[in-house]
Amino acid sequence: MHFLEAIFLGFVQGLTEFLPVSSSAHLRIVGAFLPGAEDPGAAFTAITQLGTETAVLVFFWRDIVRIVGHWFRALFGRIPRNDPDARLGWMIIIGTIPIAVLGLLFQNQIETTLRSLWIIAGSLILFGVLLGIADMIGAQRRTISQLTVGHGIIYGLAQALALIPGVSRSGGTITAGLLLGYKRADAARYAFLLAVPAVFASGLYELYKTLKHPTVEVFTMAETLVATVVAFGVGLAVIAFFMKWISKHSFLPFVVYRVALGSTLLILLSLGVISA
């Protein structure tokens, strides 16, 4: 039964990681409704995210190779330091610093207190509304080539908010990008690229801890790895869909979904149907 649950959760992870609806919140919520009614855990969430981020590497492979290559060439003076792709590499590094620092400082709270369903419900609603506002008032004129150091830091702080389940890594960074005046597709592209270093670092760290100090978890390592493979396949399909969607549509459906899900969760918690 656990294998089937792990596969289902891997599907949920892949489906929700790139949509601005918070994959960590969905894993936590869905886990509460599975037969065991247990939180899959922060380690399971972080490790399965390795699958979805591998999907990012595959989908944006050419972009990533070009950015890394140009960054190294600019670093050694072989091309101008203001090369657009080299600059983008620096922006990704700068944007990763906030989540790295805050993730280490608040690791205990992230793995315990912040996984409360009350907090998740509130985050879904609040940041869903913020996404809707940003989508309505954002100028949507800037492109990713216009990123500045200041904007990179703001993007990074927005990504760090995703340490709170319910905020959404893509949702938080896209919201920041829209408020800064970036086009939807450009805000999303940078959000996905920005997530790669942080998610791989977090996932590999949790994998290392799990292998070095095995503890009694909801899912075994084999079940977690199966879920990770499923998350990769589903995530790859979702990226392709999402990048086409946002070039022609608004984020309103995701805003409505977030508010509805968060409100339903608050009702169920208030009635005692599920435990926080």
Protein backbone atom coordinates (compact mmCIF):
# COMPACT_ATOMS: atom_id res chain seq x y z
CA MET A 1 0.00 0.00 0.00
CA HIS A 2 2.84 2.41 0.82
CA PHE A 3 4.26 1.96 -2.67
CA LEU A 4 0.94 3.04 -4.21
CA GLU A 5 0.77 6.01 -1.85
CA ALA A 6 4.34 6.99 -2.73
CA ILE A 7 3.57 6.78 -6.45
CA PHE A 8 0.48 8.94 -5.97
CA LEU A 9 2.42 11.51 -3.95
CA GLY A 10 5.14 11.52 -6.63
CA PHE A 11 2.42 12.32 -9.17
CA VAL A 12 1.15 15.14 -6.93
CA GLN A 13 4.70 16.51 -6.56
CA GLY A 14 5.27 16.53 -10.30
CA LEU A 15 1.87 18.05 -10.99
CA THR A 16 2.15 20.92 -8.49
CA GLU A 17 5.87 21.81 -8.31
CA PHE A 18 5.83 24.20 -11.27
CA LEU A 19 2.31 25.52 -10.91
CA PRO A 20 1.98 28.44 -8.44
CA VAL A 21 -0.01 26.35 -5.97
CA SER A 22 2.74 24.96 -3.63
CA SER A 23 3.81 21.35 -4.05
CA SER A 24 4.91 21.05 -0.40
CA ALA A 25 1.43 22.16 0.73
CA HIS A 26 -0.21 19.59 -1.54
CA LEU A 27 2.01 16.77 -0.33
CA ARG A 28 1.18 17.72 3.25
CA ILE A 29 -2.57 17.98 2.57
CA VAL A 30 -2.83 14.85 0.44
CA GLY A 31 -0.81 12.94 3.03
CA ALA A 32 -3.46 13.80 5.64
CA PHE A 33 -6.14 12.11 3.50
CA LEU A 34 -4.24 8.93 2.62
CA PRO A 35 -5.07 5.73 4.55
CA GLY A 36 -2.23 6.32 7.01
CA ALA A 37 -3.22 10.01 7.41
CA GLU A 38 0.42 10.99 7.97
CA ASP A 39 2.64 13.88 6.95
CA PRO A 40 5.03 12.50 4.27
CA GLY A 41 7.73 14.60 5.94
CA ALA A 42 10.15 17.31 4.90
CA ALA A 43 12.78 14.76 3.81
CA PHE A 44 10.37 12.98 1.44
CA THR A 45 9.31 16.34 0.01
CA ALA A 46 12.89 17.55 -0.52
CA ILE A 47 14.07 14.29 -2.10
CA THR A 48 11.14 14.00 -4.52
CA GLN A 49 11.83 17.59 -5.58
CA LEU A 50 15.09 16.27 -7.03
CA GLY A 51 12.92 14.55 -9.62
CA THR A 52 11.08 17.70 -10.61
CA GLU A 53 14.26 19.78 -10.71
CA THR A 54 15.86 17.16 -12.95
CA ALA A 55 12.91 17.85 -15.25
CA VAL A 56 13.98 21.52 -15.23
CA LEU A 57 17.50 20.48 -16.26
CA VAL A 58 16.10 18.47 -19.16
CA PHE A 59 13.61 21.10 -20.33
CA PHE A 60 16.01 24.06 -20.04
CA TRP A 61 19.14 22.03 -20.89
CA ARG A 62 20.38 24.32 -23.64
CA ASP A 63 19.77 27.44 -21.55
CA ILE A 64 21.56 25.99 -18.53
CA VAL A 65 24.59 24.80 -20.52
CA ARG A 66 24.86 28.20 -22.18
CA ILE A 67 24.52 30.12 -18.89
CA VAL A 68 27.09 27.97 -17.08
CA GLY A 69 29.49 28.08 -20.03
CA HIS A 70 29.27 31.84 -20.43
CA TRP A 71 29.59 32.39 -16.68
CA PHE A 72 32.88 30.47 -16.54
CA ARG A 73 34.19 32.12 -19.71
CA ALA A 74 33.38 35.58 -18.34
CA LEU A 75 34.94 34.68 -15.00
CA PHE A 76 38.26 33.95 -16.72
CA GLY A 77 38.03 36.96 -19.02
CA ARG A 78 37.38 35.09 -22.25
CA ILE A 79 34.17 37.03 -22.92
CA PRO A 80 32.92 40.39 -21.57
CA ARG A 81 31.76 40.25 -17.94
CA ASN A 82 28.51 41.97 -18.92
CA ASP A 83 27.56 39.14 -21.28
CA PRO A 84 23.78 38.57 -20.78
CA ASP A 85 24.10 34.85 -19.98
CA ALA A 86 27.07 35.41 -17.67
CA ARG A 87 25.06 38.09 -15.84
CA LEU A 88 22.12 35.71 -15.57
CA GLY A 89 24.44 33.18 -13.96
CA TRP A 90 25.44 35.76 -11.35
CA MET A 91 21.78 36.67 -10.78
CA ILE A 92 20.96 33.02 -10.08
CA ILE A 93 23.83 32.83 -7.58
CA ILE A 94 22.75 36.06 -5.87
CA GLY A 95 19.12 34.98 -5.81
CA THR A 96 20.03 31.66 -4.18
CA ILE A 97 21.78 33.22 -1.16
CA PRO A 98 18.63 34.22 0.82
CA ILE A 99 17.02 30.77 0.75
CA ALA A 100 20.34 29.09 1.60
CA VAL A 101 20.88 31.30 4.65
CA LEU A 102 17.28 31.25 5.91
CA GLY A 103 16.94 27.53 5.21
CA LEU A 104 19.87 26.77 7.50
CA LEU A 105 18.79 29.23 10.20
CA PHE A 106 15.21 27.99 10.39
CA GLN A 107 15.67 24.33 9.46
CA ASN A 108 13.99 23.02 12.62
CA GLN A 109 10.92 25.23 12.22
CA ILE A 110 10.65 24.35 8.52
CA GLU A 111 10.55 20.64 9.34
CA THR A 112 8.10 20.98 12.24
CA THR A 113 6.09 24.10 13.15
CA LEU A 114 5.69 25.52 9.65
CA ARG A 115 4.16 22.26 8.42
CA SER A 116 1.00 22.96 10.42
CA LEU A 117 -2.07 22.82 8.18
CA TRP A 118 -3.30 26.08 9.74
CA ILE A 119 -0.21 27.86 8.44
CA ILE A 120 -0.48 26.14 5.07
CA ALA A 121 -4.13 27.18 4.67
CA GLY A 122 -3.35 30.79 5.50
CA SER A 123 -0.35 30.84 3.15
CA LEU A 124 -2.38 29.41 0.28
CA ILE A 125 -4.97 32.16 0.61
CA LEU A 126 -2.69 35.12 1.35
CA PHE A 127 -0.11 34.43 -1.35
CA GLY A 128 -2.80 33.43 -3.81
CA VAL A 129 -4.37 36.88 -3.42
CA LEU A 130 -0.94 38.52 -3.77
CA LEU A 131 -0.34 36.58 -7.00
CA GLY A 132 -3.67 37.81 -8.36
CA ILE A 133 -2.88 41.42 -7.48
CA ALA A 134 0.59 41.20 -9.01
CA ASP A 135 -0.84 39.69 -12.20
CA MET A 136 -3.34 42.55 -12.50
CA ILE A 137 -1.08 45.52 -11.74
CA GLY A 138 2.28 44.29 -13.09
CA ALA A 139 3.53 46.24 -16.11
CA GLN A 140 4.80 43.04 -17.79
CA ARG A 141 7.33 44.88 -19.92
CA ARG A 142 10.71 43.73 -18.65
CA THR A 143 12.50 40.65 -19.95
CA ILE A 144 14.92 38.36 -18.15
CA SER A 145 17.86 40.14 -19.84
CA GLN A 146 17.00 43.26 -17.81
CA LEU A 147 17.59 41.63 -14.43
CA THR A 148 19.54 43.77 -11.97
CA VAL A 149 21.32 42.86 -8.75
CA GLY A 150 18.56 44.52 -6.75
CA HIS A 151 15.89 42.57 -8.57
CA GLY A 152 17.89 39.37 -8.14
CA ILE A 153 17.92 39.89 -4.36
CA ILE A 154 14.17 40.57 -4.31
CA TYR A 155 13.56 37.43 -6.37
CA GLY A 156 15.76 35.52 -3.92
CA LEU A 157 13.86 36.78 -0.87
CA ALA A 158 10.59 35.83 -2.56
CA GLN A 159 11.92 32.34 -3.23
CA ALA A 160 12.97 32.06 0.42
CA LEU A 161 9.33 32.58 1.46
CA ALA A 162 8.64 29.20 -0.15
CA LEU A 163 10.34 27.61 2.86
CA ILE A 164 6.85 28.04 4.32
CA PRO A 165 4.63 25.31 2.83
CA GLY A 166 1.71 26.92 1.06
CA VAL A 167 3.60 29.89 -0.35
CA SER A 168 4.88 28.09 -3.50
CA ARG A 169 8.41 28.47 -4.80
CA SER A 170 7.28 29.31 -8.32
CA GLY A 171 4.31 31.34 -7.06
CA GLY A 172 6.42 33.48 -4.73
CA THR A 173 9.13 34.24 -7.27
CA ILE A 174 6.67 34.81 -10.12
CA THR A 175 4.67 37.20 -7.91
CA ALA A 176 7.85 39.18 -7.20
CA GLY A 177 8.72 39.21 -10.89
CA LEU A 178 5.29 40.49 -11.89
CA LEU A 179 5.42 43.26 -9.27
CA LEU A 180 8.85 44.25 -10.64
CA GLY A 181 7.34 44.57 -14.12
CA TYR A 182 8.56 41.37 -15.78
CA LYS A 183 6.57 39.50 -18.40
CA ARG A 184 4.82 36.33 -17.20
CA ALA A 185 6.97 33.94 -19.24
CA ASP A 186 10.22 35.68 -18.25
CA ALA A 187 9.27 35.73 -14.55
CA ALA A 188 8.46 32.01 -14.70
CA ARG A 189 11.62 31.10 -16.63
CA TYR A 190 13.85 32.85 -14.11
CA ALA A 191 11.86 31.32 -11.23
CA PHE A 192 12.49 27.81 -12.57
CA LEU A 193 16.18 28.42 -13.21
CA LEU A 194 16.60 30.10 -9.81
CA ALA A 195 15.14 27.08 -8.05
CA VAL A 196 17.69 24.60 -9.45
CA PRO A 197 20.65 25.26 -7.09
CA ALA A 198 18.50 25.59 -3.95
CA VAL A 199 16.35 22.53 -4.58
CA PHE A 200 19.25 20.29 -5.56
CA ALA A 201 21.24 21.42 -2.51
CA SER A 202 18.27 20.80 -0.20
CA GLY A 203 17.30 17.48 -1.77
CA LEU A 204 20.83 16.09 -1.82
CA TYR A 205 21.35 17.20 1.78
CA GLU A 206 18.18 15.42 2.92
CA LEU A 207 19.18 12.35 0.89
CA TYR A 208 22.61 12.38 2.56
CA LYS A 209 21.06 12.68 6.04
CA THR A 210 18.61 9.87 5.33
CA LEU A 211 21.30 7.51 4.07
CA LYS A 212 23.77 8.36 6.84
CA HIS A 213 21.28 8.29 9.72
CA PRO A 214 18.33 6.08 8.74
CA THR A 215 15.28 6.80 10.86
CA VAL A 216 11.73 5.52 10.90
CA GLU A 217 10.03 7.50 8.13
CA VAL A 218 6.60 7.21 6.57
CA PHE A 219 8.18 5.97 3.34
CA THR A 220 11.22 3.79 2.79
CA MET A 221 14.08 4.96 0.59
CA ALA A 222 12.91 2.64 -2.22
CA GLU A 223 9.40 4.11 -2.08
CA THR A 224 10.79 7.64 -2.01
CA LEU A 225 12.99 6.96 -5.06
CA VAL A 226 10.00 5.57 -6.99
CA ALA A 227 8.04 8.71 -6.12
CA THR A 228 10.99 10.82 -7.32
CA VAL A 229 11.02 9.09 -10.72
CA VAL A 230 7.26 9.61 -11.09
CA ALA A 231 7.67 13.28 -10.11
CA PHE A 232 10.28 13.71 -12.85
CA GLY A 233 8.04 12.37 -15.61
CA VAL A 234 4.96 14.30 -14.58
CA GLY A 235 6.96 17.46 -13.87
CA LEU A 236 8.50 17.48 -17.35
CA ALA A 237 5.05 17.41 -18.93
CA VAL A 238 3.77 20.14 -16.62
CA ILE A 239 6.67 22.51 -17.45
CA ALA A 240 5.91 22.20 -21.16
CA PHE A 241 2.24 22.91 -20.52
CA PHE A 242 2.81 25.79 -18.10
CA MET A 243 5.29 27.71 -20.26
CA LYS A 244 2.79 27.68 -23.14
CA TRP A 245 -0.15 28.54 -20.87
CA ILE A 246 1.28 31.67 -19.27
CA SER A 247 2.23 33.23 -22.58
CA LYS A 248 -1.46 33.57 -23.42
CA HIS A 249 -3.39 33.38 -20.13
CA SER A 250 -3.50 35.04 -16.72
CA PHE A 251 -2.87 33.38 -13.36
CA LEU A 252 -6.51 33.83 -12.28
CA PRO A 253 -7.41 30.09 -12.33
CA PHE A 254 -4.53 29.36 -9.95
CA VAL A 255 -5.53 32.26 -7.69
CA VAL A 256 -9.10 30.99 -7.45
CA TYR A 257 -7.87 27.45 -6.81
CA ARG A 258 -5.49 28.54 -4.03
CA VAL A 259 -8.14 30.58 -2.22
CA ALA A 260 -10.72 27.79 -2.56
CA LEU A 261 -8.30 25.12 -1.33
CA GLY A 262 -7.09 27.24 1.60
CA SER A 263 -10.67 28.12 2.61
CA THR A 264 -11.78 24.48 2.43
CA LEU A 265 -8.79 23.48 4.53
CA LEU A 266 -9.69 26.07 7.18
CA ILE A 267 -13.25 24.74 7.32
CA LEU A 268 -12.12 21.12 7.66
CA LEU A 269 -9.65 22.06 10.42
CA SER A 270 -12.29 24.11 12.26
CA LEU A 271 -14.76 21.21 12.14
CA GLY A 272 -12.13 18.75 13.33
CA VAL A 273 -12.38 16.64 10.18
CA ILE A 274 -8.59 16.64 9.89
CA SER A 275 -5.82 17.40 12.35
CA ALA A 276 -3.33 20.21 11.88
